[in-house]
PDB file of N, CA and C in Angstrom:
ATOM      1  N   MET A   1       0.821  -1.204   0.000  1.00  0.00           N
ATOM      2  CA  MET A   1       0.000   0.000   0.000  1.00  0.00           C
ATOM      3  C   MET A   1       0.860   1.262   0.000  1.00  0.00           C
ATOM      4  N   ALA A   2       1.990   1.195   0.658  1.00  0.00           N
ATOM      5  CA  ALA A   2       2.849   2.368   0.752  1.00  0.00           C
ATOM      6  C   ALA A   2       3.472   2.728  -0.587  1.00  0.00           C
ATOM      7  N   ASP A   3       3.372   1.856  -1.544  1.00  0.00           N
ATOM      8  CA  ASP A   3       4.009   2.082  -2.833  1.00  0.00           C
ATOM      9  C   ASP A   3       3.048   2.575  -3.904  1.00  0.00           C
ATOM     10  N   LEU A   4       1.902   3.120  -3.535  1.00  0.00           N
ATOM     11  CA  LEU A   4       0.966   3.634  -4.532  1.00  0.00           C
ATOM     12  C   LEU A   4       1.574   4.817  -5.270  1.00  0.00           C
ATOM     13  N   ALA A   5       1.355   4.845  -6.589  1.00  0.00           N
ATOM     14  CA  ALA A   5       1.896   5.933  -7.395  1.00  0.00           C
ATOM     15  C   ALA A   5       0.977   6.207  -8.575  1.00  0.00           C
ATOM     16  N   ILE A   6       0.948   7.458  -8.999  1.00  0.00           N
ATOM     17  CA  ILE A   6       0.183   7.813 -10.185  1.00  0.00           C
ATOM     18  C   ILE A   6       0.736   7.024 -11.368  1.00  0.00           C
ATOM     19  N   GLY A   7      -0.159   6.475 -12.167  1.00  0.00           N
ATOM     20  CA  GLY A   7       0.224   5.659 -13.309  1.00  0.00           C
ATOM     21  C   GLY A   7       0.276   4.167 -13.009  1.00  0.00           C
ATOM     22  N   GLN A   8       0.227   3.810 -11.744  1.00  0.00           N
ATOM     23  CA  GLN A   8       0.245   2.397 -11.367  1.00  0.00           C
ATOM     24  C   GLN A   8      -1.038   1.724 -11.850  1.00  0.00           C
ATOM     25  N   ARG A   9      -0.910   0.490 -12.376  1.00  0.00           N
ATOM     26  CA  ARG A   9      -2.045  -0.225 -12.957  1.00  0.00           C
ATOM     27  C   ARG A   9      -2.163  -1.640 -12.406  1.00  0.00           C
ATOM     28  N   ALA A  10      -3.375  -2.165 -12.523  1.00  0.00           N
ATOM     29  CA  ALA A  10      -3.638  -3.578 -12.253  1.00  0.00           C
ATOM     30  C   ALA A  10      -4.645  -4.051 -13.289  1.00  0.00           C
ATOM     31  N   THR A  11      -4.515  -5.298 -13.717  1.00  0.00           N
ATOM     32  CA  THR A  11      -5.438  -5.851 -14.705  1.00  0.00           C
ATOM     33  C   THR A  11      -5.974  -7.195 -14.238  1.00  0.00           C
ATOM     34  N   LEU A  12      -7.112  -7.535 -14.805  1.00  0.00           N
ATOM     35  CA  LEU A  12      -7.769  -8.801 -14.522  1.00  0.00           C
ATOM     36  C   LEU A  12      -8.393  -9.289 -15.816  1.00  0.00           C
ATOM     37  N   CYS A  13      -8.115 -10.539 -16.186  1.00  0.00           N
ATOM     38  CA  CYS A  13      -8.717 -11.144 -17.376  1.00  0.00           C
ATOM     39  C   CYS A  13      -9.765 -12.149 -16.928  1.00  0.00           C
ATOM     40  N   ARG A  14     -10.912 -12.135 -17.623  1.00  0.00           N
ATOM     41  CA  ARG A  14     -12.032 -13.014 -17.231  1.00  0.00           C
ATOM     42  C   ARG A  14     -12.866 -13.335 -18.446  1.00  0.00           C
ATOM     43  N   THR A  15     -13.309 -14.569 -18.545  1.00  0.00           N
ATOM     44  CA  THR A  15     -14.252 -15.004 -19.564  1.00  0.00           C
ATOM     45  C   THR A  15     -15.469 -15.569 -18.844  1.00  0.00           C
ATOM     46  N   PHE A  16     -16.650 -15.071 -19.166  1.00  0.00           N
ATOM     47  CA  PHE A  16     -17.881 -15.543 -18.541  1.00  0.00           C
ATOM     48  C   PHE A  16     -18.485 -16.668 -19.367  1.00  0.00           C
ATOM     49  N   ALA A  17     -19.010 -17.672 -18.685  1.00  0.00           N
ATOM     50  CA  ALA A  17     -19.664 -18.806 -19.338  1.00  0.00           C
ATOM     51  C   ALA A  17     -21.177 -18.604 -19.331  1.00  0.00           C
ATOM     52  N   ALA A  18     -21.860 -19.271 -20.255  1.00  0.00           N
ATOM     53  CA  ALA A  18     -23.315 -19.147 -20.377  1.00  0.00           C
ATOM     54  C   ALA A  18     -24.024 -19.512 -19.069  1.00  0.00           C
ATOM     55  N   GLU A  19     -23.498 -20.515 -18.359  1.00  0.00           N
ATOM     56  CA  GLU A  19     -24.138 -20.929 -17.099  1.00  0.00           C
ATOM     57  C   GLU A  19     -24.109 -19.826 -16.044  1.00  0.00           C
ATOM     58  N   GLU A  20     -23.156 -18.938 -16.162  1.00  0.00           N
ATOM     59  CA  GLU A  20     -23.017 -17.865 -15.173  1.00  0.00           C
ATOM     60  C   GLU A  20     -23.977 -16.714 -15.424  1.00  0.00           C
ATOM     61  N   VAL A  21     -24.343 -16.506 -16.682  1.00  0.00           N
ATOM     62  CA  VAL A  21     -25.141 -15.317 -17.011  1.00  0.00           C
ATOM     63  C   VAL A  21     -26.517 -15.639 -17.576  1.00  0.00           C
ATOM     64  N   GLY A  22     -26.766 -16.882 -17.990  1.00  0.00           N
ATOM     65  CA  GLY A  22     -28.085 -17.267 -18.491  1.00  0.00           C
ATOM     66  C   GLY A  22     -28.438 -16.661 -19.818  1.00  0.00           C
ATOM     67  N   GLY A  23     -27.502 -16.437 -20.688  1.00  0.00           N
ATOM     68  CA  GLY A  23     -27.776 -15.875 -22.009  1.00  0.00           C
ATOM     69  C   GLY A  23     -26.492 -15.677 -22.768  1.00  0.00           C
ATOM     70  N   ALA A  24     -26.576 -14.943 -23.861  1.00  0.00           N
ATOM     71  CA  ALA A  24     -25.401 -14.726 -24.711  1.00  0.00           C
ATOM     72  C   ALA A  24     -24.660 -13.437 -24.378  1.00  0.00           C
ATOM     73  N   ILE A  25     -25.305 -12.555 -23.613  1.00  0.00           N
ATOM     74  CA  ILE A  25     -24.738 -11.245 -23.281  1.00  0.00           C
ATOM     75  C   ILE A  25     -24.374 -11.204 -21.796  1.00  0.00           C
ATOM     76  N   VAL A  26     -23.200 -10.687 -21.490  1.00  0.00           N
ATOM     77  CA  VAL A  26     -22.778 -10.511 -20.098  1.00  0.00           C
ATOM     78  C   VAL A  26     -23.403  -9.212 -19.576  1.00  0.00           C
ATOM     79  N   PRO A  27     -24.169  -9.279 -18.495  1.00  0.00           N
ATOM     80  CA  PRO A  27     -24.767  -8.054 -17.953  1.00  0.00           C
ATOM     81  C   PRO A  27     -23.700  -7.021 -17.580  1.00  0.00           C
ATOM     82  N   ASN A  28     -24.033  -5.759 -17.808  1.00  0.00           N
ATOM     83  CA  ASN A  28     -23.100  -4.672 -17.490  1.00  0.00           C
ATOM     84  C   ASN A  28     -22.651  -4.703 -16.030  1.00  0.00           C
ATOM     85  N   ALA A  29     -23.540  -5.111 -15.138  1.00  0.00           N
ATOM     86  CA  ALA A  29     -23.185  -5.160 -13.716  1.00  0.00           C
ATOM     87  C   ALA A  29     -22.044  -6.145 -13.456  1.00  0.00           C
ATOM     88  N   LEU A  30     -22.002  -7.244 -14.205  1.00  0.00           N
ATOM     89  CA  LEU A  30     -20.903  -8.191 -14.032  1.00  0.00           C
ATOM     90  C   LEU A  30     -19.601  -7.631 -14.571  1.00  0.00           C
ATOM     91  N   VAL A  31     -19.673  -6.892 -15.660  1.00  0.00           N
ATOM     92  CA  VAL A  31     -18.473  -6.234 -16.185  1.00  0.00           C
ATOM     93  C   VAL A  31     -17.969  -5.232 -15.151  1.00  0.00           C
ATOM     94  N   GLY A  32     -18.857  -4.439 -14.585  1.00  0.00           N
ATOM     95  CA  GLY A  32     -18.478  -3.483 -13.537  1.00  0.00           C
ATOM     96  C   GLY A  32     -17.906  -4.173 -12.314  1.00  0.00           C
ATOM     97  N   GLY A  33     -18.363  -5.385 -12.039  1.00  0.00           N
ATOM     98  CA  GLY A  33     -17.853  -6.149 -10.908  1.00  0.00           C
ATOM     99  C   GLY A  33     -16.377  -6.501 -11.045  1.00  0.00           C
ATOM    100  N   LEU A  34     -15.889  -6.548 -12.280  1.00  0.00           N
ATOM    101  CA  LEU A  34     -14.460  -6.803 -12.477  1.00  0.00           C
ATOM    102  C   LEU A  34     -13.628  -5.692 -11.843  1.00  0.00           C
ATOM    103  N   PHE A  35     -14.117  -4.456 -11.940  1.00  0.00           N
ATOM    104  CA  PHE A  35     -13.403  -3.328 -11.330  1.00  0.00           C
ATOM    105  C   PHE A  35     -13.443  -3.432  -9.815  1.00  0.00           C
ATOM    106  N   SER A  36     -14.579  -3.835  -9.281  1.00  0.00           N
ATOM    107  CA  SER A  36     -14.701  -4.011  -7.843  1.00  0.00           C
ATOM    108  C   SER A  36     -13.681  -5.022  -7.330  1.00  0.00           C
ATOM    109  N   THR A  37     -13.529  -6.120  -8.065  1.00  0.00           N
ATOM    110  CA  THR A  37     -12.546  -7.133  -7.685  1.00  0.00           C
ATOM    111  C   THR A  37     -11.137  -6.555  -7.671  1.00  0.00           C
ATOM    112  N   LEU A  38     -10.786  -5.833  -8.737  1.00  0.00           N
ATOM    113  CA  LEU A  38      -9.453  -5.232  -8.813  1.00  0.00           C
ATOM    114  C   LEU A  38      -9.204  -4.238  -7.682  1.00  0.00           C
ATOM    115  N   LEU A  39     -10.171  -3.369  -7.433  1.00  0.00           N
ATOM    116  CA  LEU A  39     -10.004  -2.333  -6.418  1.00  0.00           C
ATOM    117  C   LEU A  39      -9.837  -2.924  -5.024  1.00  0.00           C
ATOM    118  N   GLY A  40     -10.574  -3.975  -4.735  1.00  0.00           N
ATOM    119  CA  GLY A  40     -10.540  -4.550  -3.396  1.00  0.00           C
ATOM    120  C   GLY A  40      -9.432  -5.552  -3.154  1.00  0.00           C
ATOM    121  N   THR A  41      -8.876  -6.107  -4.239  1.00  0.00           N
ATOM    122  CA  THR A  41      -7.874  -7.150  -4.043  1.00  0.00           C
ATOM    123  C   THR A  41      -6.482  -6.801  -4.556  1.00  0.00           C
ATOM    124  N   ARG A  42      -6.388  -5.863  -5.494  1.00  0.00           N
ATOM    125  CA  ARG A  42      -5.082  -5.591  -6.097  1.00  0.00           C
ATOM    126  C   ARG A  42      -4.641  -4.135  -6.000  1.00  0.00           C
ATOM    127  N   LEU A  43      -5.502  -3.214  -6.395  1.00  0.00           N
ATOM    128  CA  LEU A  43      -5.091  -1.807  -6.426  1.00  0.00           C
ATOM    129  C   LEU A  43      -6.289  -0.904  -6.149  1.00  0.00           C
ATOM    130  N   PRO A  44      -6.340  -0.205  -5.075  1.00  0.00           N
ATOM    131  CA  PRO A  44      -5.367  -0.093  -4.005  1.00  0.00           C
ATOM    132  C   PRO A  44      -5.243  -1.337  -3.127  1.00  0.00           C
ATOM    133  N   GLY A  45      -6.269  -2.197  -3.054  1.00  0.00           N
ATOM    134  CA  GLY A  45      -6.156  -3.422  -2.267  1.00  0.00           C
ATOM    135  C   GLY A  45      -7.051  -3.426  -1.043  1.00  0.00           C
ATOM    136  N   ARG A  46      -6.664  -4.249  -0.063  1.00  0.00           N
ATOM    137  CA  ARG A  46      -7.472  -4.407   1.160  1.00  0.00           C
ATOM    138  C   ARG A  46      -7.766  -3.063   1.808  1.00  0.00           C
ATOM    139  N   GLY A  47      -8.969  -2.964   2.356  1.00  0.00           N
ATOM    140  CA  GLY A  47      -9.364  -1.739   3.027  1.00  0.00           C
ATOM    141  C   GLY A  47      -9.921  -0.683   2.094  1.00  0.00           C
ATOM    142  N   THR A  48     -10.133  -1.026   0.828  1.00  0.00           N
ATOM    143  CA  THR A  48     -10.643  -0.072  -0.148  1.00  0.00           C
ATOM    144  C   THR A  48     -12.166  -0.055  -0.123  1.00  0.00           C
ATOM    145  N   ASN A  49     -12.736   1.131  -0.104  1.00  0.00           N
ATOM    146  CA  ASN A  49     -14.191   1.309  -0.161  1.00  0.00           C
ATOM    147  C   ASN A  49     -14.530   2.251  -1.307  1.00  0.00           C
ATOM    148  N   TRP A  50     -15.496   1.833  -2.112  1.00  0.00           N
ATOM    149  CA  TRP A  50     -15.961   2.658  -3.220  1.00  0.00           C
ATOM    150  C   TRP A  50     -16.660   3.905  -2.698  1.00  0.00           C
ATOM    151  N   MET A  51     -16.303   5.055  -3.231  1.00  0.00           N
ATOM    152  CA  MET A  51     -17.024   6.295  -2.930  1.00  0.00           C
ATOM    153  C   MET A  51     -17.988   6.600  -4.081  1.00  0.00           C
ATOM    154  N   LYS A  52     -17.464   6.507  -5.314  1.00  0.00           N
ATOM    155  CA  LYS A  52     -18.328   6.668  -6.485  1.00  0.00           C
ATOM    156  C   LYS A  52     -17.625   6.094  -7.705  1.00  0.00           C
ATOM    157  N   GLN A  53     -18.433   5.775  -8.696  1.00  0.00           N
ATOM    158  CA  GLN A  53     -17.903   5.271  -9.957  1.00  0.00           C
ATOM    159  C   GLN A  53     -18.838   5.680 -11.078  1.00  0.00           C
ATOM    160  N   SER A  54     -18.258   6.016 -12.209  1.00  0.00           N
ATOM    161  CA  SER A  54     -19.063   6.265 -13.402  1.00  0.00           C
ATOM    162  C   SER A  54     -18.487   5.420 -14.528  1.00  0.00           C
ATOM    163  N   LEU A  55     -19.371   4.762 -15.259  1.00  0.00           N
ATOM    164  CA  LEU A  55     -18.973   3.918 -16.384  1.00  0.00           C
ATOM    165  C   LEU A  55     -19.778   4.299 -17.613  1.00  0.00           C
ATOM    166  N   ARG A  56     -19.113   4.297 -18.750  1.00  0.00           N
ATOM    167  CA  ARG A  56     -19.778   4.496 -20.040  1.00  0.00           C
ATOM    168  C   ARG A  56     -19.591   3.211 -20.836  1.00  0.00           C
ATOM    169  N   PHE A  57     -20.699   2.609 -21.222  1.00  0.00           N
ATOM    170  CA  PHE A  57     -20.653   1.365 -21.989  1.00  0.00           C
ATOM    171  C   PHE A  57     -20.824   1.679 -23.469  1.00  0.00           C
ATOM    172  N   TYR A  58     -19.925   1.128 -24.272  1.00  0.00           N
ATOM    173  CA  TYR A  58     -19.926   1.369 -25.714  1.00  0.00           C
ATOM    174  C   TYR A  58     -20.421   0.177 -26.507  1.00  0.00           C
ATOM    175  N   ARG A  59     -20.270  -1.013 -25.951  1.00  0.00           N
ATOM    176  CA  ARG A  59     -20.732  -2.232 -26.628  1.00  0.00           C
ATOM    177  C   ARG A  59     -20.979  -3.298 -25.580  1.00  0.00           C
ATOM    178  N   ARG A  60     -21.671  -4.328 -25.978  1.00  0.00           N
ATOM    179  CA  ARG A  60     -21.981  -5.447 -25.084  1.00  0.00           C
ATOM    180  C   ARG A  60     -20.805  -6.418 -25.007  1.00  0.00           C
ATOM    181  N   ALA A  61     -20.651  -7.011 -23.858  1.00  0.00           N
ATOM    182  CA  ALA A  61     -19.693  -8.101 -23.682  1.00  0.00           C
ATOM    183  C   ALA A  61     -20.455  -9.401 -23.922  1.00  0.00           C
ATOM    184  N   HIS A  62     -19.843 -10.321 -24.637  1.00  0.00           N
ATOM    185  CA  HIS A  62     -20.496 -11.578 -24.968  1.00  0.00           C
ATOM    186  C   HIS A  62     -19.912 -12.745 -24.184  1.00  0.00           C
ATOM    187  N   VAL A  63     -20.773 -13.709 -23.897  1.00  0.00           N
ATOM    188  CA  VAL A  63     -20.350 -14.937 -23.246  1.00  0.00           C
ATOM    189  C   VAL A  63     -19.255 -15.583 -24.097  1.00  0.00           C
ATOM    190  N   GLY A  64     -18.225 -16.072 -23.440  1.00  0.00           N
ATOM    191  CA  GLY A  64     -17.152 -16.769 -24.125  1.00  0.00           C
ATOM    192  C   GLY A  64     -16.025 -15.885 -24.620  1.00  0.00           C
ATOM    193  N   GLU A  65     -16.205 -14.554 -24.591  1.00  0.00           N
ATOM    194  CA  GLU A  65     -15.102 -13.689 -25.040  1.00  0.00           C
ATOM    195  C   GLU A  65     -14.269 -13.255 -23.843  1.00  0.00           C
ATOM    196  N   ALA A  66     -12.974 -13.219 -24.056  1.00  0.00           N
ATOM    197  CA  ALA A  66     -12.057 -12.805 -22.996  1.00  0.00           C
ATOM    198  C   ALA A  66     -12.164 -11.301 -22.782  1.00  0.00           C
ATOM    199  N   LEU A  67     -12.342 -10.911 -21.544  1.00  0.00           N
ATOM    200  CA  LEU A  67     -12.415  -9.498 -21.170  1.00  0.00           C
ATOM    201  C   LEU A  67     -11.205  -9.166 -20.305  1.00  0.00           C
ATOM    202  N   THR A  68     -10.647  -7.988 -20.515  1.00  0.00           N
ATOM    203  CA  THR A  68      -9.544  -7.512 -19.689  1.00  0.00           C
ATOM    204  C   THR A  68      -9.949  -6.189 -19.065  1.00  0.00           C
ATOM    205  N   ALA A  69     -10.039  -6.187 -17.741  1.00  0.00           N
ATOM    206  CA  ALA A  69     -10.363  -4.976 -16.990  1.00  0.00           C
ATOM    207  C   ALA A  69      -9.072  -4.387 -16.438  1.00  0.00           C
ATOM    208  N   THR A  70      -8.969  -3.068 -16.501  1.00  0.00           N
ATOM    209  CA  THR A  70      -7.780  -2.367 -16.018  1.00  0.00           C
ATOM    210  C   THR A  70      -8.192  -1.201 -15.143  1.00  0.00           C
ATOM    211  N   VAL A  71      -7.471  -1.011 -14.041  1.00  0.00           N
ATOM    212  CA  VAL A  71      -7.617   0.186 -13.215  1.00  0.00           C
ATOM    213  C   VAL A  71      -6.254   0.867 -13.165  1.00  0.00           C
ATOM    214  N   GLU A  72      -6.259   2.199 -13.240  1.00  0.00           N
ATOM    215  CA  GLU A  72      -5.009   2.969 -13.227  1.00  0.00           C
ATOM    216  C   GLU A  72      -5.163   4.174 -12.314  1.00  0.00           C
ATOM    217  N   ILE A  73      -4.217   4.358 -11.416  1.00  0.00           N
ATOM    218  CA  ILE A  73      -4.261   5.506 -10.509  1.00  0.00           C
ATOM    219  C   ILE A  73      -3.954   6.787 -11.285  1.00  0.00           C
ATOM    220  N   VAL A  74      -4.846   7.771 -11.164  1.00  0.00           N
ATOM    221  CA  VAL A  74      -4.630   9.058 -11.824  1.00  0.00           C
ATOM    222  C   VAL A  74      -4.431  10.202 -10.824  1.00  0.00           C
ATOM    223  N   ARG A  75      -4.799   9.972  -9.557  1.00  0.00           N
ATOM    224  CA  ARG A  75      -4.623  11.016  -8.539  1.00  0.00           C
ATOM    225  C   ARG A  75      -4.601  10.372  -7.166  1.00  0.00           C
ATOM    226  N   LEU A  76      -3.709  10.836  -6.321  1.00  0.00           N
ATOM    227  CA  LEU A  76      -3.622  10.389  -4.929  1.00  0.00           C
ATOM    228  C   LEU A  76      -3.850  11.576  -4.006  1.00  0.00           C
ATOM    229  N   ARG A  77      -4.695  11.382  -3.002  1.00  0.00           N
ATOM    230  CA  ARG A  77      -4.935  12.418  -1.990  1.00  0.00           C
ATOM    231  C   ARG A  77      -4.776  11.787  -0.604  1.00  0.00           C
ATOM    232  N   PRO A  78      -3.523  11.555  -0.186  1.00  0.00           N
ATOM    233  CA  PRO A  78      -3.278  10.839   1.073  1.00  0.00           C
ATOM    234  C   PRO A  78      -3.877  11.533   2.296  1.00  0.00           C
ATOM    235  N   ASP A  79      -3.974  12.848   2.274  1.00  0.00           N
ATOM    236  CA  ASP A  79      -4.543  13.563   3.418  1.00  0.00           C
ATOM    237  C   ASP A  79      -5.995  13.171   3.672  1.00  0.00           C
ATOM    238  N   LYS A  80      -6.716  12.780   2.615  1.00  0.00           N
ATOM    239  CA  LYS A  80      -8.111  12.353   2.744  1.00  0.00           C
ATOM    240  C   LYS A  80      -8.276  10.856   2.508  1.00  0.00           C
ATOM    241  N   ARG A  81      -7.152  10.165   2.257  1.00  0.00           N
ATOM    242  CA  ARG A  81      -7.142   8.730   1.959  1.00  0.00           C
ATOM    243  C   ARG A  81      -7.932   8.404   0.695  1.00  0.00           C
ATOM    244  N   LEU A  82      -7.938   9.308  -0.272  1.00  0.00           N
ATOM    245  CA  LEU A  82      -8.695   9.114  -1.504  1.00  0.00           C
ATOM    246  C   LEU A  82      -7.770   8.799  -2.673  1.00  0.00           C
ATOM    247  N   VAL A  83      -8.250   7.923  -3.537  1.00  0.00           N
ATOM    248  CA  VAL A  83      -7.529   7.542  -4.743  1.00  0.00           C
ATOM    249  C   VAL A  83      -8.497   7.637  -5.916  1.00  0.00           C
ATOM    250  N   ASN A  84      -8.124   8.395  -6.938  1.00  0.00           N
ATOM    251  CA  ASN A  84      -8.901   8.475  -8.179  1.00  0.00           C
ATOM    252  C   ASN A  84      -8.267   7.521  -9.190  1.00  0.00           C
ATOM    253  N   LEU A  85      -9.108   6.753  -9.880  1.00  0.00           N
ATOM    254  CA  LEU A  85      -8.615   5.784 -10.850  1.00  0.00           C
ATOM    255  C   LEU A  85      -9.383   5.882 -12.157  1.00  0.00           C
ATOM    256  N   ARG A  86      -8.680   5.643 -13.239  1.00  0.00           N
ATOM    257  CA  ARG A  86      -9.298   5.468 -14.551  1.00  0.00           C
ATOM    258  C   ARG A  86      -9.539   3.976 -14.699  1.00  0.00           C
ATOM    259  N   VAL A  87     -10.724   3.595 -15.184  1.00  0.00           N
ATOM    260  CA  VAL A  87     -11.038   2.179 -15.359  1.00  0.00           C
ATOM    261  C   VAL A  87     -11.449   1.934 -16.809  1.00  0.00           C
ATOM    262  N   ALA A  88     -11.132   0.751 -17.308  1.00  0.00           N
ATOM    263  CA  ALA A  88     -11.513   0.390 -18.671  1.00  0.00           C
ATOM    264  C   ALA A  88     -11.588  -1.121 -18.789  1.00  0.00           C
ATOM    265  N   CYS A  89     -12.459  -1.585 -19.697  1.00  0.00           N
ATOM    266  CA  CYS A  89     -12.567  -3.007 -19.998  1.00  0.00           C
ATOM    267  C   CYS A  89     -12.602  -3.158 -21.514  1.00  0.00           C
ATOM    268  N   VAL A  90     -11.752  -4.039 -22.026  1.00  0.00           N
ATOM    269  CA  VAL A  90     -11.690  -4.305 -23.464  1.00  0.00           C
ATOM    270  C   VAL A  90     -11.896  -5.801 -23.701  1.00  0.00           C
ATOM    271  N   ASN A  91     -12.306  -6.128 -24.945  1.00  0.00           N
ATOM    272  CA  ASN A  91     -12.436  -7.538 -25.304  1.00  0.00           C
ATOM    273  C   ASN A  91     -11.136  -8.021 -25.946  1.00  0.00           C
ATOM    274  N   ALA A  92     -11.129  -9.254 -26.425  1.00  0.00           N
ATOM    275  CA  ALA A  92      -9.899  -9.857 -26.951  1.00  0.00           C
ATOM    276  C   ALA A  92      -9.368  -9.149 -28.190  1.00  0.00           C
ATOM    277  N   THR A  93     -10.232  -8.448 -28.933  1.00  0.00           N
ATOM    278  CA  THR A  93      -9.768  -7.723 -30.117  1.00  0.00           C
ATOM    279  C   THR A  93      -9.311  -6.310 -29.779  1.00  0.00           C
ATOM    280  N   GLY A  94      -9.430  -5.930 -28.498  1.00  0.00           N
ATOM    281  CA  GLY A  94      -9.031  -4.592 -28.070  1.00  0.00           C
ATOM    282  C   GLY A  94     -10.144  -3.565 -28.137  1.00  0.00           C
ATOM    283  N   ALA A  95     -11.344  -3.991 -28.525  1.00  0.00           N
ATOM    284  CA  ALA A  95     -12.482  -3.067 -28.580  1.00  0.00           C
ATOM    285  C   ALA A  95     -12.927  -2.721 -27.160  1.00  0.00           C
ATOM    286  N   THR A  96     -13.180  -1.453 -26.921  1.00  0.00           N
ATOM    287  CA  THR A  96     -13.576  -0.995 -25.590  1.00  0.00           C
ATOM    288  C   THR A  96     -15.019  -1.371 -25.296  1.00  0.00           C
ATOM    289  N   ILE A  97     -15.209  -2.106 -24.212  1.00  0.00           N
ATOM    290  CA  ILE A  97     -16.546  -2.448 -23.731  1.00  0.00           C
ATOM    291  C   ILE A  97     -17.070  -1.279 -22.899  1.00  0.00           C
ATOM    292  N   CYS A  98     -16.240  -0.802 -21.973  1.00  0.00           N
ATOM    293  CA  CYS A  98     -16.628   0.345 -21.155  1.00  0.00           C
ATOM    294  C   CYS A  98     -15.372   1.025 -20.622  1.00  0.00           C
ATOM    295  N   GLU A  99     -15.572   2.262 -20.193  1.00  0.00           N
ATOM    296  CA  GLU A  99     -14.503   3.008 -19.527  1.00  0.00           C
ATOM    297  C   GLU A  99     -15.147   4.001 -18.579  1.00  0.00           C
ATOM    298  N   GLY A 100     -14.356   4.482 -17.654  1.00  0.00           N
ATOM    299  CA  GLY A 100     -14.900   5.421 -16.691  1.00  0.00           C
ATOM    300  C   GLY A 100     -13.891   5.781 -15.620  1.00  0.00           C
ATOM    301  N   GLU A 101     -14.434   6.153 -14.456  1.00  0.00           N
ATOM    302  CA  GLU A 101     -13.618   6.622 -13.346  1.00  0.00           C
ATOM    303  C   GLU A 101     -14.145   6.061 -12.045  1.00  0.00           C
ATOM    304  N   SER A 102     -13.245   5.862 -11.104  1.00  0.00           N
ATOM    305  CA  SER A 102     -13.619   5.444  -9.755  1.00  0.00           C
ATOM    306  C   SER A 102     -12.921   6.337  -8.743  1.00  0.00           C
ATOM    307  N   LEU A 103     -13.616   6.592  -7.673  1.00  0.00           N
ATOM    308  CA  LEU A 103     -13.050   7.287  -6.525  1.00  0.00           C
ATOM    309  C   LEU A 103     -13.204   6.332  -5.357  1.00  0.00           C
ATOM    310  N   VAL A 104     -12.095   6.021  -4.691  1.00  0.00           N
ATOM    311  CA  VAL A 104     -12.150   5.086  -3.574  1.00  0.00           C
ATOM    312  C   VAL A 104     -11.503   5.688  -2.340  1.00  0.00           C
ATOM    313  N   LEU A 105     -11.979   5.228  -1.215  1.00  0.00           N
ATOM    314  CA  LEU A 105     -11.396   5.545   0.077  1.00  0.00           C
ATOM    315  C   LEU A 105     -10.505   4.368   0.435  1.00  0.00           C
ATOM    316  N   ALA A 106      -9.229   4.617   0.533  1.00  0.00           N
ATOM    317  CA  ALA A 106      -8.258   3.556   0.821  1.00  0.00           C
ATOM    318  C   ALA A 106      -7.876   3.644   2.287  1.00  0.00           C
ATOM    319  N   LEU A 107      -8.530   2.853   3.111  1.00  0.00           N
ATOM    320  CA  LEU A 107      -8.310   2.925   4.550  1.00  0.00           C
ATOM    321  C   LEU A 107      -6.882   2.596   4.930  1.00  0.00           C
ATOM    322  N   GLU A 108      -6.212   1.781   4.149  1.00  0.00           N
ATOM    323  CA  GLU A 108      -4.827   1.420   4.441  1.00  0.00           C
ATOM    324  C   GLU A 108      -3.884   2.617   4.274  1.00  0.00           C
ATOM    325  N   MET A 109      -4.331   3.679   3.600  1.00  0.00           N
ATOM    326  CA  MET A 109      -3.480   4.867   3.434  1.00  0.00           C
ATOM    327  C   MET A 109      -3.166   5.502   4.781  1.00  0.00           C
ATOM    328  N   GLU A 110      -4.054   5.316   5.761  1.00  0.00           N
ATOM    329  CA  GLU A 110      -3.796   5.860   7.088  1.00  0.00           C
ATOM    330  C   GLU A 110      -2.532   5.236   7.670  1.00  0.00           C
ATOM    331  N   LYS A 111      -2.361   3.933   7.484  1.00  0.00           N
ATOM    332  CA  LYS A 111      -1.154   3.269   7.970  1.00  0.00           C
ATOM    333  C   LYS A 111       0.062   3.787   7.211  1.00  0.00           C
ATOM    334  N   MET A 112      -0.108   4.028   5.909  1.00  0.00           N
ATOM    335  CA  MET A 112       0.989   4.546   5.096  1.00  0.00           C
ATOM    336  C   MET A 112       1.429   5.917   5.615  1.00  0.00           C
ATOM    337  N   MET A 113       0.478   6.768   5.967  1.00  0.00           N
ATOM    338  CA  MET A 113       0.798   8.108   6.447  1.00  0.00           C
ATOM    339  C   MET A 113       1.471   8.044   7.819  1.00  0.00           C
ATOM    340  N   GLN A 114       1.075   7.100   8.651  1.00  0.00           N
ATOM    341  CA  GLN A 114       1.663   6.970   9.978  1.00  0.00           C
ATOM    342  C   GLN A 114       3.112   6.526   9.911  1.00  0.00           C
ATOM    343  N   ARG A 115       3.468   5.750   8.882  1.00  0.00           N
ATOM    344  CA  ARG A 115       4.847   5.263   8.713  1.00  0.00           C
ATOM    345  C   ARG A 115       5.754   6.350   8.141  1.00  0.00           C
ATOM    346  N   ALA A 116       5.174   7.351   7.489  1.00  0.00           N
ATOM    347  CA  ALA A 116       5.985   8.391   6.822  1.00  0.00           C
ATOM    348  C   ALA A 116       6.601   9.342   7.831  1.00  0.00           C
TER     349      ALA A 116
END
């Protein structure tokens, strides 16, 4: 956590199966859930709480296609424990499924500030 920096990224690749979604199209909420997984487990990581997120969807994600979700730090505000991130999800051909922004409260930043 102490090593957070602007430009730092994390990615997650996922392919949804028909049994998981009950159709040929992956619901937008499941695509958005990929960002939730990244934020809570990789970047910023444990202790992260969503404050707000906005997503713009450009196309549907289909069952069986590989999706790659990425989060990238664009601003750090350690005094308020806030992290702004750019988020995006693309399919295997590189076509953008969605993109947007997230603002998270990184509770672990308090420990980082105490060590400084």
